[in-house]
Protein backbone atom coordinates (compact mmCIF):
# COMPACT_ATOMS: atom_id res chain seq x y z
CA MET A 1 67.27 -64.68 34.28
CA LYS A 2 67.59 -65.01 30.23
CA THR A 3 64.35 -67.01 30.29
CA LYS A 4 62.80 -63.94 32.60
CA PHE A 5 64.00 -61.58 30.49
CA LEU A 6 63.44 -63.23 27.32
CA LEU A 7 59.71 -64.03 28.46
CA VAL A 8 59.11 -59.94 29.32
CA LEU A 9 60.56 -59.40 25.77
CA ALA A 10 57.95 -61.52 23.98
CA ALA A 11 55.29 -59.60 25.80
CA THR A 12 56.48 -56.19 25.12
CA SER A 13 56.91 -57.46 21.62
CA ALA A 14 52.86 -59.28 21.75
CA PHE A 15 51.95 -55.84 23.03
CA PHE A 16 53.25 -53.53 20.60
CA SER A 17 52.50 -55.74 17.80
CA ALA A 18 48.53 -55.60 19.26
CA LEU A 19 48.97 -51.71 19.69
CA SER A 20 50.20 -51.57 16.01
CA SER A 21 47.42 -53.33 14.49
CA VAL A 22 44.86 -51.42 16.67
CA ILE A 23 46.02 -48.18 14.69
CA VAL A 24 46.69 -49.43 11.86
CA ALA A 25 43.81 -51.38 11.28
CA PRO A 26 40.93 -49.09 9.93
CA ALA A 27 37.67 -48.73 12.33
CA ASN A 28 34.24 -49.91 10.80
CA ALA A 29 33.42 -47.59 7.97
CA GLN A 30 30.63 -45.67 7.87
CA LEU A 31 27.68 -47.05 5.19
CA THR A 32 26.17 -44.52 2.92
CA THR A 33 23.61 -45.67 0.43
CA ALA A 34 23.54 -43.86 -3.02
CA PRO A 35 21.12 -40.90 -3.44
CA SER A 36 17.47 -41.44 -3.23
CA ASN A 37 15.80 -38.56 -4.95
CA VAL A 38 12.50 -37.61 -3.66
CA ASN A 39 9.66 -35.34 -5.52
CA VAL A 40 8.12 -32.64 -3.52
CA THR A 41 5.12 -30.68 -4.00
CA VAL A 42 3.60 -27.37 -2.16
CA THR A 43 -0.03 -26.11 -2.28
CA VAL A 44 -0.37 -22.23 -1.88
CA PRO A 45 -3.84 -21.45 -1.55
CA GLU A 46 -5.21 -18.18 -3.42
CA VAL A 47 -5.64 -15.49 -1.24
CA LEU A 48 -7.21 -11.67 -1.93
CA TYR A 49 -5.58 -8.72 0.87
CA LEU A 50 -6.24 -5.14 0.75
CA ARG A 51 -5.75 -3.20 3.03
CA THR A 52 -6.71 0.41 3.46
CA VAL A 53 -6.59 3.67 5.20
CA SER A 54 -8.97 4.06 8.01
CA ASP A 55 -9.91 7.84 7.13
CA ILE A 56 -8.93 10.15 4.13
CA GLN A 57 -7.73 14.32 5.39
CA LEU A 58 -8.09 16.62 2.85
CA ASP A 59 -6.99 19.86 3.46
CA LEU A 60 -7.94 22.67 0.67
CA VAL A 61 -5.31 25.49 0.80
CA PRO A 62 -6.54 28.49 -1.30
CA SER A 63 -4.78 28.52 -4.35
CA ASP A 64 -7.57 24.94 -4.94
CA LEU A 65 -10.04 27.58 -4.92
CA SER A 66 -9.12 30.38 -7.10
CA SER A 67 -5.58 30.58 -8.49
CA ALA A 68 -5.74 34.78 -7.43
CA LEU A 69 -6.38 33.97 -3.67
CA SER A 70 -2.70 34.59 -1.73
CA SER A 71 -1.45 31.75 0.22
CA GLY A 72 -3.45 33.31 3.21
CA GLY A 73 -6.42 33.38 1.15
CA ILE A 74 -6.71 37.01 -0.09
CA ALA A 75 -7.54 38.80 -3.15
CA THR A 76 -8.72 41.87 -4.83
CA GLU A 77 -9.36 42.61 -8.20
CA THR A 78 -10.98 45.17 -10.61
CA GLN A 79 -13.12 44.96 -13.29
CA PRO A 80 -12.53 46.68 -16.17
CA ILE A 81 -15.35 48.51 -17.94
CA THR A 82 -17.07 48.86 -15.27
CA VAL A 83 -18.99 51.65 -14.28
CA ALA A 84 -21.06 52.31 -11.00
CA ASP A 85 -23.94 54.41 -11.22
CA SER A 86 -27.71 54.83 -10.22
CA SER A 87 -29.07 52.75 -12.40
CA PRO A 88 -29.92 48.94 -11.12
CA SER A 89 -27.02 47.45 -12.68
CA SER A 90 -23.11 48.68 -12.93
CA GLY A 91 -22.14 45.92 -14.95
CA LEU A 92 -19.69 44.07 -12.52
CA SER A 93 -20.29 40.53 -12.74
CA THR A 94 -21.49 38.43 -10.07
CA ALA A 95 -20.09 35.21 -10.95
CA SER A 96 -18.38 33.60 -8.62
CA PRO A 97 -14.46 33.23 -8.90
CA PHE A 98 -13.99 30.66 -7.22
CA ASN A 99 -13.74 26.59 -8.01
CA THR A 100 -17.01 25.16 -6.98
CA THR A 101 -15.71 21.85 -7.54
CA VAL A 102 -11.99 21.15 -6.80
CA THR A 103 -10.87 17.89 -7.66
CA LYS A 104 -7.73 16.54 -5.83
CA PRO A 105 -6.31 13.25 -5.38
CA ILE A 106 -5.14 11.34 -2.45
CA PRO A 107 -1.92 9.38 -3.25
CA LEU A 108 -2.27 6.57 -1.10
CA VAL A 109 -4.97 4.76 0.01
CA PHE A 110 -4.75 1.05 -0.52
CA ALA A 111 -1.88 -2.06 -0.90
CA VAL A 112 -3.55 -5.33 -2.67
CA TRP A 113 -1.68 -8.61 -2.34
CA SER A 114 -3.20 -11.00 -4.69
CA ASN A 115 -1.72 -14.55 -6.05
CA ASN A 116 -4.55 -14.70 -8.94
CA PRO A 117 -3.38 -17.76 -11.29
CA ARG A 118 -5.35 -17.02 -14.15
CA SER A 119 -3.01 -15.58 -15.89
CA GLY A 120 -3.73 -11.31 -17.29
CA GLN A 121 -6.73 -11.33 -14.77
CA GLY A 122 -4.32 -9.25 -12.38
CA VAL A 123 -6.12 -7.53 -9.45
CA ALA A 124 -8.64 -4.64 -9.48
CA VAL A 125 -9.83 -2.10 -7.65
CA THR A 126 -12.85 0.18 -7.27
CA VAL A 127 -13.87 2.47 -4.91
CA SER A 128 -17.78 3.73 -4.61
CA THR A 129 -19.30 6.80 -2.59
CA THR A 130 -21.50 5.50 0.39
CA THR A 131 -22.11 8.64 1.96
CA GLY A 132 -21.61 12.21 -0.25
CA THR A 133 -22.38 14.75 1.82
CA LEU A 134 -19.82 16.87 4.60
CA ASN A 135 -21.71 18.87 7.04
CA SER A 136 -19.68 21.26 8.06
CA ALA A 137 -18.93 21.81 12.11
CA VAL A 138 -20.11 25.49 11.97
CA SER A 139 -23.73 25.98 13.05
CA GLY A 140 -25.14 27.09 9.81
CA GLY A 141 -22.27 26.07 7.58
CA GLY A 142 -23.95 24.28 4.83
CA SER A 143 -22.78 21.14 3.79
CA ALA A 144 -20.85 19.61 0.63
CA THR A 145 -20.71 16.65 -1.25
CA PHE A 146 -18.18 14.68 -3.30
CA THR A 147 -17.76 11.77 -5.66
CA SER A 148 -14.89 9.34 -5.77
CA SER A 149 -12.68 7.88 -8.34
CA VAL A 150 -9.50 5.02 -8.20
CA THR A 151 -6.71 7.51 -9.41
CA ALA A 152 -5.46 5.53 -12.25
CA PRO A 153 -4.14 2.73 -12.72
CA SER A 154 -7.00 1.24 -11.15
CA SER A 155 -6.07 -2.04 -12.38
CA GLN A 156 -3.01 -4.41 -12.34
CA THR A 157 -3.30 -7.66 -15.26
CA THR A 158 -0.17 -9.43 -13.18
CA ALA A 159 -1.25 -10.82 -10.63
CA PRO A 160 1.17 -9.03 -7.80
CA GLY A 161 2.00 -11.84 -5.51
CA LEU A 162 2.55 -12.15 -1.74
CA SER A 163 5.47 -9.82 -1.33
CA THR A 164 4.92 -6.42 -3.56
CA PRO A 165 1.20 -5.26 -3.63
CA PHE A 166 0.24 -2.88 -5.84
CA THR A 167 -0.71 0.24 -4.50
CA GLY A 168 -2.75 3.52 -5.74
CA GLY A 169 -5.05 5.87 -4.47
CA ILE A 170 -8.25 7.39 -5.11
CA THR A 171 -9.42 11.07 -6.31
CA LEU A 172 -12.16 12.80 -4.85
CA ALA A 173 -14.06 15.37 -6.10
CA VAL A 174 -15.18 18.22 -3.46
CA ASN A 175 -18.55 20.43 -4.67
CA LEU A 176 -18.42 23.56 -2.63
CA THR A 177 -21.40 24.95 -3.83
CA GLY A 178 -23.30 24.37 -0.58
CA ALA A 179 -20.38 25.52 1.83
CA LYS A 180 -20.90 28.61 3.32
CA ALA A 181 -18.28 28.35 6.21
CA ALA A 182 -14.73 27.67 6.08
CA GLY A 183 -13.51 24.86 8.63
CA SER A 184 -14.08 21.08 9.13
CA TYR A 185 -16.75 19.46 6.60
CA SER A 186 -17.13 15.29 7.81
CA GLY A 187 -19.33 12.58 7.35
CA GLY A 188 -18.90 11.43 4.29
CA ALA A 189 -17.46 7.85 4.06
CA ILE A 190 -16.13 5.30 1.16
CA ALA A 191 -16.28 1.93 -0.32
CA ILE A 192 -12.72 0.49 -1.80
CA THR A 193 -13.35 -3.47 -2.85
CA ALA A 194 -10.53 -5.48 -4.80
CA ASN A 195 -11.24 -7.56 -6.91
CA ALA A 196 -8.87 -10.82 -8.42
CA PRO A 197 -10.62 -12.11 -11.61
């Protein structure tokens, strides 16, 4: 019996000794090398992106035509020192009291993105009038003409990049000499061009 007890004790001792060696002995350590520095180069292509509105709708108000007009387009004037009698002329002025050419800015017409790498060149925008005649929607209403230009600034010497664009508007100078009727005048066209020198 004593022998069996000693055998059991020896087996138990061996088991705990083996278990202890498993717990205490470190696991196989992960191998790690020293960092290796790798150089990275990315080449970004040069781009020039122009976004414009598709249409321009310019609504003139009475005060654009004359500061004497009310918001409803009505005015009355008595010209001083004029006398009407039986003579052909009374001295009444027949000169137009209206602004026959109305110049109006259109604030936001284009946006340009450019990553032009040439220092100090940036980006420029130009506008040209391709069809400068506007025809009345009313029969016999006549026509108006216009010219266009980019509202200053028309250029930016620093490339705007790909995130925030260079934005701007245009100015229209509308000549109403041939306009006979109120209402819509259409048919004009402009061309907007962006340039990264």
